């Protein structure tokens, strides 16, 4: 199996996330990946996938992933049935951090219990 085939899921994820300025090359059995993620959360998703496929410190991949906007952790488009606590659990692992998400979105939200599908929320850095 080629190293590119081994990490194809990472490349697919990069396409799904809309990674900009992407470049992939393979030299001497090492896959070199370069690109620009929109947020730190997207960059973390890519690194998590790399570690899932190659282990904690893979020697067969070198990734240089920069971030366009590090002033926030992520942007989230609300889906039907979601709540701020469910969104907080997804990004922070703690549903009680919904208050931080609400505080960062007072220009869009007036009540933490009322969010609408298709609203785009800022997920702040903690």
PDB file of N, CA and C in Angstrom:
ATOM      1  N   UNK A   1       0.845  -1.176   0.000  1.00  0.00           N
ATOM      2  CA  UNK A   1       0.000   0.000   0.000  1.00  0.00           C
ATOM      3  C   UNK A   1       0.891   1.241   0.000  1.00  0.00           C
ATOM      4  N   UNK A   2       0.594   2.157  -0.884  1.00  0.00           N
ATOM      5  CA  UNK A   2       1.372   3.401  -0.926  1.00  0.00           C
ATOM      6  C   UNK A   2       0.990   4.272   0.268  1.00  0.00           C
ATOM      7  N   UNK A   3       1.904   5.157   0.646  1.00  0.00           N
ATOM      8  CA  UNK A   3       1.646   6.042   1.780  1.00  0.00           C
ATOM      9  C   UNK A   3       0.478   6.986   1.457  1.00  0.00           C
ATOM     10  N   UNK A   4       0.326   7.363   0.216  1.00  0.00           N
ATOM     11  CA  UNK A   4      -0.802   8.223  -0.169  1.00  0.00           C
ATOM     12  C   UNK A   4      -2.125   7.471   0.031  1.00  0.00           C
ATOM     13  N   UNK A   5      -2.156   6.206  -0.342  1.00  0.00           N
ATOM     14  CA  UNK A   5      -3.361   5.401  -0.146  1.00  0.00           C
ATOM     15  C   UNK A   5      -3.672   5.254   1.345  1.00  0.00           C
ATOM     16  N   UNK A   6      -2.626   5.094   2.152  1.00  0.00           N
ATOM     17  CA  UNK A   6      -2.807   4.954   3.600  1.00  0.00           C
ATOM     18  C   UNK A   6      -3.509   6.178   4.184  1.00  0.00           C
ATOM     19  N   UNK A   7      -3.155   7.362   3.695  1.00  0.00           N
ATOM     20  CA  UNK A   7      -3.694   8.616   4.234  1.00  0.00           C
ATOM     21  C   UNK A   7      -4.777   9.235   3.350  1.00  0.00           C
ATOM     22  N   UNK A   8      -5.383   8.438   2.471  1.00  0.00           N
ATOM     23  CA  UNK A   8      -6.412   8.964   1.573  1.00  0.00           C
ATOM     24  C   UNK A   8      -7.583   9.578   2.341  1.00  0.00           C
ATOM     25  N   UNK A   9      -7.916   9.020   3.500  1.00  0.00           N
ATOM     26  CA  UNK A   9      -9.014   9.576   4.300  1.00  0.00           C
ATOM     27  C   UNK A   9      -8.692  11.001   4.754  1.00  0.00           C
ATOM     28  N   UNK A  10      -7.431  11.289   5.019  1.00  0.00           N
ATOM     29  CA  UNK A  10      -7.023  12.651   5.398  1.00  0.00           C
ATOM     30  C   UNK A  10      -7.223  13.594   4.212  1.00  0.00           C
ATOM     31  N   UNK A  11      -6.832  13.147   3.039  1.00  0.00           N
ATOM     32  CA  UNK A  11      -6.989  13.971   1.842  1.00  0.00           C
ATOM     33  C   UNK A  11      -8.468  14.204   1.538  1.00  0.00           C
ATOM     34  N   UNK A  12      -9.284  13.169   1.712  1.00  0.00           N
ATOM     35  CA  UNK A  12     -10.729  13.313   1.502  1.00  0.00           C
ATOM     36  C   UNK A  12     -11.325  14.314   2.490  1.00  0.00           C
ATOM     37  N   UNK A  13     -10.900  14.231   3.750  1.00  0.00           N
ATOM     38  CA  UNK A  13     -11.379  15.163   4.765  1.00  0.00           C
ATOM     39  C   UNK A  13     -10.971  16.586   4.411  1.00  0.00           C
ATOM     40  N   UNK A  14      -9.766  16.759   3.931  1.00  0.00           N
ATOM     41  CA  UNK A  14      -9.307  18.079   3.505  1.00  0.00           C
ATOM     42  C   UNK A  14     -10.189  18.660   2.419  1.00  0.00           C
ATOM     43  N   UNK A  15     -10.608  17.822   1.489  1.00  0.00           N
ATOM     44  CA  UNK A  15     -11.522  18.281   0.433  1.00  0.00           C
ATOM     45  C   UNK A  15     -12.872  18.657   1.016  1.00  0.00           C
ATOM     46  N   UNK A  16     -13.381  17.832   1.925  1.00  0.00           N
ATOM     47  CA  UNK A  16     -14.676  18.117   2.559  1.00  0.00           C
ATOM     48  C   UNK A  16     -14.641  19.436   3.324  1.00  0.00           C
ATOM     49  N   UNK A  17     -13.526  19.713   3.969  1.00  0.00           N
ATOM     50  CA  UNK A  17     -13.395  20.932   4.770  1.00  0.00           C
ATOM     51  C   UNK A  17     -13.070  22.158   3.924  1.00  0.00           C
ATOM     52  N   UNK A  18     -12.777  21.941   2.666  1.00  0.00           N
ATOM     53  CA  UNK A  18     -12.446  23.064   1.791  1.00  0.00           C
ATOM     54  C   UNK A  18     -11.090  23.679   2.106  1.00  0.00           C
ATOM     55  N   UNK A  19     -10.106  22.833   2.404  1.00  0.00           N
ATOM     56  CA  UNK A  19      -8.761  23.309   2.701  1.00  0.00           C
ATOM     57  C   UNK A  19      -8.222  24.051   1.477  1.00  0.00           C
ATOM     58  N   UNK A  20      -7.678  25.234   1.719  1.00  0.00           N
ATOM     59  CA  UNK A  20      -7.174  26.086   0.629  1.00  0.00           C
ATOM     60  C   UNK A  20      -5.686  25.852   0.397  1.00  0.00           C
ATOM     61  N   UNK A  21      -5.232  26.198  -0.783  1.00  0.00           N
ATOM     62  CA  UNK A  21      -3.812  26.135  -1.146  1.00  0.00           C
ATOM     63  C   UNK A  21      -3.203  24.765  -0.839  1.00  0.00           C
ATOM     64  N   UNK A  22      -3.993  23.731  -1.073  1.00  0.00           N
ATOM     65  CA  UNK A  22      -3.529  22.385  -0.772  1.00  0.00           C
ATOM     66  C   UNK A  22      -2.481  21.892  -1.756  1.00  0.00           C
ATOM     67  N   UNK A  23      -1.534  21.148  -1.227  1.00  0.00           N
ATOM     68  CA  UNK A  23      -0.494  20.541  -2.052  1.00  0.00           C
ATOM     69  C   UNK A  23      -0.110  19.216  -1.402  1.00  0.00           C
ATOM     70  N   UNK A  24      -0.071  18.165  -2.190  1.00  0.00           N
ATOM     71  CA  UNK A  24       0.279  16.839  -1.694  1.00  0.00           C
ATOM     72  C   UNK A  24       1.348  16.264  -2.600  1.00  0.00           C
ATOM     73  N   UNK A  25       2.423  15.766  -1.979  1.00  0.00           N
ATOM     74  CA  UNK A  25       3.465  15.096  -2.749  1.00  0.00           C
ATOM     75  C   UNK A  25       4.013  13.936  -1.923  1.00  0.00           C
ATOM     76  N   UNK A  26       4.636  13.003  -2.614  1.00  0.00           N
ATOM     77  CA  UNK A  26       5.214  11.838  -1.945  1.00  0.00           C
ATOM     78  C   UNK A  26       6.675  11.734  -2.348  1.00  0.00           C
ATOM     79  N   UNK A  27       7.547  11.709  -1.337  1.00  0.00           N
ATOM     80  CA  UNK A  27       8.985  11.594  -1.595  1.00  0.00           C
ATOM     81  C   UNK A  27       9.594  10.568  -0.655  1.00  0.00           C
ATOM     82  N   UNK A  28      10.260   9.593  -1.193  1.00  0.00           N
ATOM     83  CA  UNK A  28      10.966   8.578  -0.408  1.00  0.00           C
ATOM     84  C   UNK A  28      10.086   7.944   0.667  1.00  0.00           C
ATOM     85  N   UNK A  29       8.842   7.655   0.311  1.00  0.00           N
ATOM     86  CA  UNK A  29       7.943   6.992   1.251  1.00  0.00           C
ATOM     87  C   UNK A  29       7.335   7.897   2.301  1.00  0.00           C
ATOM     88  N   UNK A  30       7.499   9.213   2.130  1.00  0.00           N
ATOM     89  CA  UNK A  30       6.913  10.168   3.069  1.00  0.00           C
ATOM     90  C   UNK A  30       5.914  11.038   2.312  1.00  0.00           C
ATOM     91  N   UNK A  31       4.700  11.101   2.828  1.00  0.00           N
ATOM     92  CA  UNK A  31       3.661  11.941   2.231  1.00  0.00           C
ATOM     93  C   UNK A  31       3.774  13.342   2.827  1.00  0.00           C
ATOM     94  N   UNK A  32       3.883  14.335   1.947  1.00  0.00           N
ATOM     95  CA  UNK A  32       3.966  15.729   2.385  1.00  0.00           C
ATOM     96  C   UNK A  32       2.647  16.408   2.051  1.00  0.00           C
ATOM     97  N   UNK A  33       2.013  16.956   3.086  1.00  0.00           N
ATOM     98  CA  UNK A  33       0.717  17.608   2.936  1.00  0.00           C
ATOM     99  C   UNK A  33       0.858  19.057   3.384  1.00  0.00           C
ATOM    100  N   UNK A  34       0.362  19.954   2.563  1.00  0.00           N
ATOM    101  CA  UNK A  34       0.388  21.370   2.903  1.00  0.00           C
ATOM    102  C   UNK A  34      -0.989  21.945   2.589  1.00  0.00           C
ATOM    103  N   UNK A  35      -1.458  22.861   3.436  1.00  0.00           N
ATOM    104  CA  UNK A  35      -2.746  23.490   3.180  1.00  0.00           C
ATOM    105  C   UNK A  35      -3.105  24.485   4.263  1.00  0.00           C
ATOM    106  N   UNK A  36      -4.225  25.152   4.051  1.00  0.00           N
ATOM    107  CA  UNK A  36      -4.679  26.188   4.969  1.00  0.00           C
ATOM    108  C   UNK A  36      -6.119  25.888   5.395  1.00  0.00           C
ATOM    109  N   UNK A  37      -6.280  25.563   6.676  1.00  0.00           N
ATOM    110  CA  UNK A  37      -7.604  25.309   7.240  1.00  0.00           C
ATOM    111  C   UNK A  37      -8.251  26.640   7.609  1.00  0.00           C
ATOM    112  N   UNK A  38      -9.565  26.663   7.614  1.00  0.00           N
ATOM    113  CA  UNK A  38     -10.268  27.893   7.953  1.00  0.00           C
ATOM    114  C   UNK A  38     -10.168  28.261   9.420  1.00  0.00           C
ATOM    115  N   UNK A  39     -10.192  27.246  10.295  1.00  0.00           N
ATOM    116  CA  UNK A  39     -10.187  27.479  11.746  1.00  0.00           C
ATOM    117  C   UNK A  39      -9.302  26.438  12.446  1.00  0.00           C
ATOM    118  N   UNK A  40      -8.945  26.704  13.707  1.00  0.00           N
ATOM    119  CA  UNK A  40      -8.178  25.703  14.464  1.00  0.00           C
ATOM    120  C   UNK A  40      -8.920  24.370  14.592  1.00  0.00           C
ATOM    121  N   UNK A  41     -10.243  24.399  14.698  1.00  0.00           N
ATOM    122  CA  UNK A  41     -11.014  23.162  14.804  1.00  0.00           C
ATOM    123  C   UNK A  41     -10.801  22.286  13.570  1.00  0.00           C
ATOM    124  N   UNK A  42     -10.845  22.891  12.378  1.00  0.00           N
ATOM    125  CA  UNK A  42     -10.630  22.126  11.149  1.00  0.00           C
ATOM    126  C   UNK A  42      -9.217  21.553  11.101  1.00  0.00           C
ATOM    127  N   UNK A  43      -8.241  22.332  11.528  1.00  0.00           N
ATOM    128  CA  UNK A  43      -6.863  21.840  11.577  1.00  0.00           C
ATOM    129  C   UNK A  43      -6.770  20.645  12.533  1.00  0.00           C
ATOM    130  N   UNK A  44      -7.431  20.742  13.693  1.00  0.00           N
ATOM    131  CA  UNK A  44      -7.420  19.643  14.656  1.00  0.00           C
ATOM    132  C   UNK A  44      -8.077  18.385  14.085  1.00  0.00           C
ATOM    133  N   UNK A  45      -9.154  18.566  13.319  1.00  0.00           N
ATOM    134  CA  UNK A  45      -9.800  17.411  12.694  1.00  0.00           C
ATOM    135  C   UNK A  45      -8.827  16.673  11.774  1.00  0.00           C
ATOM    136  N   UNK A  46      -8.057  17.434  10.998  1.00  0.00           N
ATOM    137  CA  UNK A  46      -7.074  16.819  10.101  1.00  0.00           C
ATOM    138  C   UNK A  46      -6.000  16.078  10.881  1.00  0.00           C
ATOM    139  N   UNK A  47      -5.468  16.716  11.934  1.00  0.00           N
ATOM    140  CA  UNK A  47      -4.425  16.062  12.733  1.00  0.00           C
ATOM    141  C   UNK A  47      -4.966  14.825  13.440  1.00  0.00           C
ATOM    142  N   UNK A  48      -6.206  14.890  13.926  1.00  0.00           N
ATOM    143  CA  UNK A  48      -6.798  13.716  14.562  1.00  0.00           C
ATOM    144  C   UNK A  48      -6.885  12.551  13.576  1.00  0.00           C
ATOM    145  N   UNK A  49      -7.251  12.843  12.323  1.00  0.00           N
ATOM    146  CA  UNK A  49      -7.355  11.800  11.300  1.00  0.00           C
ATOM    147  C   UNK A  49      -5.966  11.239  10.967  1.00  0.00           C
ATOM    148  N   UNK A  50      -4.957  12.119  10.885  1.00  0.00           N
ATOM    149  CA  UNK A  50      -3.585  11.657  10.633  1.00  0.00           C
ATOM    150  C   UNK A  50      -3.151  10.702  11.738  1.00  0.00           C
ATOM    151  N   UNK A  51      -3.394  11.072  12.997  1.00  0.00           N
ATOM    152  CA  UNK A  51      -2.993  10.235  14.135  1.00  0.00           C
ATOM    153  C   UNK A  51      -3.790   8.937  14.184  1.00  0.00           C
ATOM    154  N   UNK A  52      -5.057   8.994  13.782  1.00  0.00           N
ATOM    155  CA  UNK A  52      -5.882   7.784  13.751  1.00  0.00           C
ATOM    156  C   UNK A  52      -5.303   6.773  12.763  1.00  0.00           C
ATOM    157  N   UNK A  53      -4.814   7.254  11.638  1.00  0.00           N
ATOM    158  CA  UNK A  53      -4.304   6.367  10.594  1.00  0.00           C
ATOM    159  C   UNK A  53      -2.832   6.007  10.781  1.00  0.00           C
ATOM    160  N   UNK A  54      -2.040   6.929  11.326  1.00  0.00           N
ATOM    161  CA  UNK A  54      -0.597   6.712  11.393  1.00  0.00           C
ATOM    162  C   UNK A  54      -0.005   6.575  12.777  1.00  0.00           C
ATOM    163  N   UNK A  55      -0.829   6.720  13.807  1.00  0.00           N
ATOM    164  CA  UNK A  55      -0.321   6.641  15.174  1.00  0.00           C
ATOM    165  C   UNK A  55       0.013   8.031  15.704  1.00  0.00           C
ATOM    166  N   UNK A  56       0.386   8.103  16.959  1.00  0.00           N
ATOM    167  CA  UNK A  56       0.629   9.386  17.639  1.00  0.00           C
ATOM    168  C   UNK A  56       1.727  10.211  16.986  1.00  0.00           C
ATOM    169  N   UNK A  57       2.796   9.577  16.548  1.00  0.00           N
ATOM    170  CA  UNK A  57       3.907  10.299  15.907  1.00  0.00           C
ATOM    171  C   UNK A  57       4.284   9.606  14.593  1.00  0.00           C
ATOM    172  N   UNK A  58       3.456   9.740  13.586  1.00  0.00           N
ATOM    173  CA  UNK A  58       3.745   9.025  12.339  1.00  0.00           C
ATOM    174  C   UNK A  58       4.996   9.580  11.653  1.00  0.00           C
ATOM    175  N   UNK A  59       5.845   8.670  11.160  1.00  0.00           N
ATOM    176  CA  UNK A  59       7.079   9.093  10.489  1.00  0.00           C
ATOM    177  C   UNK A  59       6.920   9.106   8.967  1.00  0.00           C
ATOM    178  N   UNK A  60       5.776   8.639   8.474  1.00  0.00           N
ATOM    179  CA  UNK A  60       5.578   8.561   7.031  1.00  0.00           C
ATOM    180  C   UNK A  60       4.706   9.692   6.481  1.00  0.00           C
ATOM    181  N   UNK A  61       4.462  10.708   7.301  1.00  0.00           N
ATOM    182  CA  UNK A  61       3.697  11.866   6.835  1.00  0.00           C
ATOM    183  C   UNK A  61       4.252  13.132   7.483  1.00  0.00           C
ATOM    184  N   UNK A  62       4.360  14.175   6.694  1.00  0.00           N
ATOM    185  CA  UNK A  62       4.753  15.504   7.180  1.00  0.00           C
ATOM    186  C   UNK A  62       3.648  16.445   6.751  1.00  0.00           C
ATOM    187  N   UNK A  63       3.016  17.112   7.722  1.00  0.00           N
ATOM    188  CA  UNK A  63       1.906  18.003   7.397  1.00  0.00           C
ATOM    189  C   UNK A  63       2.208  19.414   7.878  1.00  0.00           C
ATOM    190  N   UNK A  64       2.002  20.359   6.995  1.00  0.00           N
ATOM    191  CA  UNK A  64       2.151  21.775   7.311  1.00  0.00           C
ATOM    192  C   UNK A  64       0.795  22.411   7.046  1.00  0.00           C
ATOM    193  N   UNK A  65      -0.011  22.509   8.109  1.00  0.00           N
ATOM    194  CA  UNK A  65      -1.368  23.019   7.981  1.00  0.00           C
ATOM    195  C   UNK A  65      -1.465  24.329   8.758  1.00  0.00           C
ATOM    196  N   UNK A  66      -1.694  25.402   8.036  1.00  0.00           N
ATOM    197  CA  UNK A  66      -1.855  26.708   8.687  1.00  0.00           C
ATOM    198  C   UNK A  66      -3.349  26.983   8.870  1.00  0.00           C
ATOM    199  N   UNK A  67      -3.665  28.094   9.548  1.00  0.00           N
ATOM    200  CA  UNK A  67      -5.049  28.454   9.844  1.00  0.00           C
ATOM    201  C   UNK A  67      -5.319  29.867   9.353  1.00  0.00           C
ATOM    202  N   UNK A  68      -6.417  30.043   8.630  1.00  0.00           N
ATOM    203  CA  UNK A  68      -6.801  31.353   8.113  1.00  0.00           C
ATOM    204  C   UNK A  68      -7.241  32.287   9.227  1.00  0.00           C
ATOM    205  N   UNK A  69      -8.101  31.796  10.138  1.00  0.00           N
ATOM    206  CA  UNK A  69      -8.680  32.637  11.190  1.00  0.00           C
ATOM    207  C   UNK A  69      -8.500  31.979  12.549  1.00  0.00           C
ATOM    208  N   UNK A  70      -7.474  32.394  13.282  1.00  0.00           N
ATOM    209  CA  UNK A  70      -7.232  31.820  14.604  1.00  0.00           C
ATOM    210  C   UNK A  70      -7.891  32.636  15.711  1.00  0.00           C
ATOM    211  N   UNK A  71      -8.666  33.680  15.353  1.00  0.00           N
ATOM    212  CA  UNK A  71      -9.337  34.497  16.363  1.00  0.00           C
ATOM    213  C   UNK A  71     -10.532  33.765  16.971  1.00  0.00           C
ATOM    214  N   UNK A  72     -11.003  32.704  16.289  1.00  0.00           N
ATOM    215  CA  UNK A  72     -12.089  31.874  16.793  1.00  0.00           C
ATOM    216  C   UNK A  72     -11.665  30.421  16.691  1.00  0.00           C
ATOM    217  N   UNK A  73     -12.393  29.543  17.378  1.00  0.00           N
ATOM    218  CA  UNK A  73     -12.076  28.122  17.313  1.00  0.00           C
ATOM    219  C   UNK A  73     -12.729  27.479  16.089  1.00  0.00           C
ATOM    220  N   UNK A  74     -13.991  27.883  15.819  1.00  0.00           N
ATOM    221  CA  UNK A  74     -14.711  27.298  14.680  1.00  0.00           C
ATOM    222  C   UNK A  74     -15.925  28.153  14.350  1.00  0.00           C
ATOM    223  N   UNK A  75     -16.516  27.858  13.212  1.00  0.00           N
ATOM    224  CA  UNK A  75     -17.833  28.379  12.834  1.00  0.00           C
ATOM    225  C   UNK A  75     -18.736  27.164  12.697  1.00  0.00           C
ATOM    226  N   UNK A  76     -19.946  27.293  13.183  1.00  0.00           N
ATOM    227  CA  UNK A  76     -20.865  26.156  13.164  1.00  0.00           C
ATOM    228  C   UNK A  76     -22.200  26.584  12.575  1.00  0.00           C
ATOM    229  N   UNK A  77     -22.683  25.859  11.577  1.00  0.00           N
ATOM    230  CA  UNK A  77     -24.009  26.092  11.018  1.00  0.00           C
ATOM    231  C   UNK A  77     -24.993  25.189  11.746  1.00  0.00           C
ATOM    232  N   UNK A  78     -25.972  25.801  12.388  1.00  0.00           N
ATOM    233  CA  UNK A  78     -26.942  25.075  13.205  1.00  0.00           C
ATOM    234  C   UNK A  78     -27.790  24.158  12.323  1.00  0.00           C
ATOM    235  N   UNK A  79     -27.962  22.929  12.828  1.00  0.00           N
ATOM    236  CA  UNK A  79     -28.822  21.954  12.159  1.00  0.00           C
ATOM    237  C   UNK A  79     -30.083  21.766  13.002  1.00  0.00           C
ATOM    238  N   UNK A  80     -31.133  21.328  12.366  1.00  0.00           N
ATOM    239  CA  UNK A  80     -32.403  21.091  13.055  1.00  0.00           C
ATOM    240  C   UNK A  80     -32.191  20.141  14.234  1.00  0.00           C
ATOM    241  N   UNK A  81     -32.776  20.478  15.371  1.00  0.00           N
ATOM    242  CA  UNK A  81     -32.686  19.626  16.561  1.00  0.00           C
ATOM    243  C   UNK A  81     -31.498  19.920  17.464  1.00  0.00           C
ATOM    244  N   UNK A  82     -30.612  20.819  17.051  1.00  0.00           N
ATOM    245  CA  UNK A  82     -29.451  21.121  17.879  1.00  0.00           C
ATOM    246  C   UNK A  82     -29.801  22.151  18.952  1.00  0.00           C
ATOM    247  N   UNK A  83     -28.998  22.151  20.003  1.00  0.00           N
ATOM    248  CA  UNK A  83     -29.077  23.144  21.067  1.00  0.00           C
ATOM    249  C   UNK A  83     -27.664  23.649  21.322  1.00  0.00           C
ATOM    250  N   UNK A  84     -27.552  24.765  22.020  1.00  0.00           N
ATOM    251  CA  UNK A  84     -26.214  25.276  22.326  1.00  0.00           C
ATOM    252  C   UNK A  84     -25.436  24.287  23.183  1.00  0.00           C
ATOM    253  N   UNK A  85     -26.108  23.577  24.094  1.00  0.00           N
ATOM    254  CA  UNK A  85     -25.387  22.606  24.927  1.00  0.00           C
ATOM    255  C   UNK A  85     -24.890  21.425  24.092  1.00  0.00           C
ATOM    256  N   UNK A  86     -25.666  20.994  23.111  1.00  0.00           N
ATOM    257  CA  UNK A  86     -25.222  19.909  22.227  1.00  0.00           C
ATOM    258  C   UNK A  86     -24.022  20.367  21.393  1.00  0.00           C
ATOM    259  N   UNK A  87     -24.065  21.603  20.918  1.00  0.00           N
ATOM    260  CA  UNK A  87     -22.952  22.158  20.136  1.00  0.00           C
ATOM    261  C   UNK A  87     -21.712  22.288  21.014  1.00  0.00           C
ATOM    262  N   UNK A  88     -21.900  22.752  22.257  1.00  0.00           N
ATOM    263  CA  UNK A  88     -20.769  22.888  23.193  1.00  0.00           C
ATOM    264  C   UNK A  88     -20.138  21.531  23.475  1.00  0.00           C
ATOM    265  N   UNK A  89     -20.952  20.498  23.617  1.00  0.00           N
ATOM    266  CA  UNK A  89     -20.406  19.149  23.845  1.00  0.00           C
ATOM    267  C   UNK A  89     -19.589  18.689  22.644  1.00  0.00           C
ATOM    268  N   UNK A  90     -20.070  19.003  21.425  1.00  0.00           N
ATOM    269  CA  UNK A  90     -19.350  18.602  20.216  1.00  0.00           C
ATOM    270  C   UNK A  90     -17.966  19.245  20.150  1.00  0.00           C
ATOM    271  N   UNK A  91     -17.874  20.533  20.427  1.00  0.00           N
ATOM    272  CA  UNK A  91     -16.605  21.242  20.257  1.00  0.00           C
ATOM    273  C   UNK A  91     -15.706  21.204  21.488  1.00  0.00           C
ATOM    274  N   UNK A  92     -16.305  21.209  22.673  1.00  0.00           N
ATOM    275  CA  UNK A  92     -15.503  21.304  23.902  1.00  0.00           C
ATOM    276  C   UNK A  92     -15.572  20.062  24.781  1.00  0.00           C
ATOM    277  N   UNK A  93     -16.484  19.153  24.471  1.00  0.00           N
ATOM    278  CA  UNK A  93     -16.652  17.975  25.315  1.00  0.00           C
ATOM    279  C   UNK A  93     -17.413  18.278  26.596  1.00  0.00           C
ATOM    280  N   UNK A  94     -17.993  19.475  26.716  1.00  0.00           N
ATOM    281  CA  UNK A  94     -18.670  19.901  27.941  1.00  0.00           C
ATOM    282  C   UNK A  94     -19.914  20.715  27.564  1.00  0.00           C
ATOM    283  N   UNK A  95     -21.115  20.152  27.772  1.00  0.00           N
ATOM    284  CA  UNK A  95     -22.330  20.874  27.389  1.00  0.00           C
ATOM    285  C   UNK A  95     -22.545  22.172  28.167  1.00  0.00           C
ATOM    286  N   UNK A  96     -21.957  22.288  29.340  1.00  0.00           N
ATOM    287  CA  UNK A  96     -22.145  23.495  30.146  1.00  0.00           C
ATOM    288  C   UNK A  96     -21.403  24.705  29.583  1.00  0.00           C
ATOM    289  N   UNK A  97     -20.564  24.500  28.621  1.00  0.00           N
ATOM    290  CA  UNK A  97     -19.851  25.627  28.008  1.00  0.00           C
ATOM    291  C   UNK A  97     -20.711  26.332  26.951  1.00  0.00           C
ATOM    292  N   UNK A  98     -22.001  25.982  26.925  1.00  0.00           N
ATOM    293  CA  UNK A  98     -22.914  26.662  25.994  1.00  0.00           C
ATOM    294  C   UNK A  98     -22.948  28.160  26.262  1.00  0.00           C
ATOM    295  N   UNK A  99     -22.699  28.548  27.512  1.00  0.00           N
ATOM    296  CA  UNK A  99     -22.738  29.976  27.876  1.00  0.00           C
ATOM    297  C   UNK A  99     -21.682  30.770  27.108  1.00  0.00           C
ATOM    298  N   UNK A 100     -20.506  30.178  26.916  1.00  0.00           N
ATOM    299  CA  UNK A 100     -19.456  30.859  26.167  1.00  0.00           C
ATOM    300  C   UNK A 100     -19.853  31.026  24.700  1.00  0.00           C
ATOM    301  N   UNK A 101     -20.517  30.019  24.156  1.00  0.00           N
ATOM    302  CA  UNK A 101     -20.978  30.120  22.767  1.00  0.00           C
ATOM    303  C   UNK A 101     -22.052  31.201  22.662  1.00  0.00           C
ATOM    304  N   UNK A 102     -22.975  31.222  23.616  1.00  0.00           N
ATOM    305  CA  UNK A 102     -24.016  32.247  23.605  1.00  0.00           C
ATOM    306  C   UNK A 102     -23.398  33.643  23.696  1.00  0.00           C
ATOM    307  N   UNK A 103     -22.458  33.817  24.619  1.00  0.00           N
ATOM    308  CA  UNK A 103     -21.817  35.130  24.799  1.00  0.00           C
ATOM    309  C   UNK A 103     -21.111  35.607  23.534  1.00  0.00           C
ATOM    310  N   UNK A 104     -20.543  34.682  22.788  1.00  0.00           N
ATOM    311  CA  UNK A 104     -19.827  35.047  21.565  1.00  0.00           C
ATOM    312  C   UNK A 104     -20.777  35.345  20.398  1.00  0.00           C
ATOM    313  N   UNK A 105     -22.068  35.081  20.590  1.00  0.00           N
ATOM    314  CA  UNK A 105     -23.025  35.223  19.491  1.00  0.00           C
ATOM    315  C   UNK A 105     -24.224  36.095  19.844  1.00  0.00           C
ATOM    316  N   UNK A 106     -24.048  37.032  20.766  1.00  0.00           N
ATOM    317  CA  UNK A 106     -25.171  37.882  21.167  1.00  0.00           C
ATOM    318  C   UNK A 106     -25.657  38.779  20.032  1.00  0.00           C
ATOM    319  N   UNK A 107     -24.853  38.972  19.013  1.00  0.00           N
ATOM    320  CA  UNK A 107     -25.312  39.715  17.842  1.00  0.00           C
ATOM    321  C   UNK A 107     -26.298  38.924  16.999  1.00  0.00           C
ATOM    322  N   UNK A 108     -26.284  37.604  17.152  1.00  0.00           N
ATOM    323  CA  UNK A 108     -27.152  36.715  16.381  1.00  0.00           C
ATOM    324  C   UNK A 108     -28.264  36.140  17.263  1.00  0.00           C
ATOM    325  N   UNK A 109     -27.933  35.888  18.532  1.00  0.00           N
ATOM    326  CA  UNK A 109     -28.867  35.229  19.452  1.00  0.00           C
ATOM    327  C   UNK A 109     -29.296  36.180  20.562  1.00  0.00           C
ATOM    328  N   UNK A 110     -30.570  36.105  20.942  1.00  0.00           N
ATOM    329  CA  UNK A 110     -31.039  36.902  22.073  1.00  0.00           C
ATOM    330  C   UNK A 110     -31.409  36.023  23.261  1.00  0.00           C
ATOM    331  N   UNK A 111     -31.498  34.712  23.032  1.00  0.00           N
ATOM    332  CA  UNK A 111     -31.867  33.772  24.081  1.00  0.00           C
ATOM    333  C   UNK A 111     -31.088  32.477  23.836  1.00  0.00           C
ATOM    334  N   UNK A 112     -30.382  31.964  24.850  1.00  0.00           N
ATOM    335  CA  UNK A 112     -29.596  30.740  24.629  1.00  0.00           C
ATOM    336  C   UNK A 112     -30.448  29.504  24.334  1.00  0.00           C
ATOM    337  N   UNK A 113     -31.746  29.581  24.631  1.00  0.00           N
ATOM    338  CA  UNK A 113     -32.633  28.442  24.383  1.00  0.00           C
ATOM    339  C   UNK A 113     -33.298  28.490  23.009  1.00  0.00           C
ATOM    340  N   UNK A 114     -33.003  29.546  22.225  1.00  0.00           N
ATOM    341  CA  UNK A 114     -33.654  29.687  20.922  1.00  0.00           C
ATOM    342  C   UNK A 114     -32.589  29.877  19.843  1.00  0.00           C
ATOM    343  N   UNK A 115     -32.334  28.794  19.110  1.00  0.00           N
ATOM    344  CA  UNK A 115     -31.452  28.869  17.946  1.00  0.00           C
ATOM    345  C   UNK A 115     -32.204  28.285  16.765  1.00  0.00           C
ATOM    346  N   UNK A 116     -31.854  28.717  15.577  1.00  0.00           N
ATOM    347  CA  UNK A 116     -32.570  28.316  14.372  1.00  0.00           C
ATOM    348  C   UNK A 116     -31.630  27.587  13.406  1.00  0.00           C
ATOM    349  N   UNK A 117     -32.168  26.599  12.691  1.00  0.00           N
ATOM    350  CA  UNK A 117     -31.352  25.951  11.658  1.00  0.00           C
ATOM    351  C   UNK A 117     -30.810  26.983  10.668  1.00  0.00           C
ATOM    352  N   UNK A 118     -29.610  26.742  10.208  1.00  0.00           N
ATOM    353  CA  UNK A 118     -28.894  27.564   9.224  1.00  0.00           C
ATOM    354  C   UNK A 118     -28.268  28.820   9.816  1.00  0.00           C
ATOM    355  N   UNK A 119     -28.461  29.092  11.117  1.00  0.00           N
ATOM    356  CA  UNK A 119     -27.716  30.200  11.718  1.00  0.00           C
ATOM    357  C   UNK A 119     -26.253  29.785  11.793  1.00  0.00           C
ATOM    358  N   UNK A 120     -25.348  30.704  11.527  1.00  0.00           N
ATOM    359  CA  UNK A 120     -23.925  30.429  11.619  1.00  0.00           C
ATOM    360  C   UNK A 120     -23.421  31.044  12.923  1.00  0.00           C
ATOM    361  N   UNK A 121     -22.920  30.192  13.794  1.00  0.00           N
ATOM    362  CA  UNK A 121     -22.455  30.631  15.105  1.00  0.00           C
ATOM    363  C   UNK A 121     -20.942  30.569  15.182  1.00  0.00           C
ATOM    364  N   UNK A 122     -20.378  31.510  15.916  1.00  0.00           N
ATOM    365  CA  UNK A 122     -18.946  31.512  16.199  1.00  0.00           C
ATOM    366  C   UNK A 122     -18.724  30.653  17.427  1.00  0.00           C
ATOM    367  N   UNK A 123     -17.771  29.741  17.338  1.00  0.00           N
ATOM    368  CA  UNK A 123     -17.376  28.917  18.485  1.00  0.00           C
ATOM    369  C   UNK A 123     -16.051  29.527  18.970  1.00  0.00           C
ATOM    370  N   UNK A 124     -16.073  30.182  20.146  1.00  0.00           N
ATOM    371  CA  UNK A 124     -14.884  30.914  20.587  1.00  0.00           C
ATOM    372  C   UNK A 124     -13.759  30.003  21.084  1.00  0.00           C
ATOM    373  N   UNK A 125     -12.543  30.552  21.043  1.00  0.00           N
ATOM    374  CA  UNK A 125     -11.406  29.891  21.676  1.00  0.00           C
ATOM    375  C   UNK A 125     -11.617  29.966  23.182  1.00  0.00           C
ATOM    376  N   UNK A 126     -11.313  28.896  23.882  1.00  0.00           N
ATOM    377  CA  UNK A 126     -11.416  28.914  25.352  1.00  0.00           C
ATOM    378  C   UNK A 126     -10.053  28.852  25.979  1.00  0.00           C
TER     379      UNK A 126
END
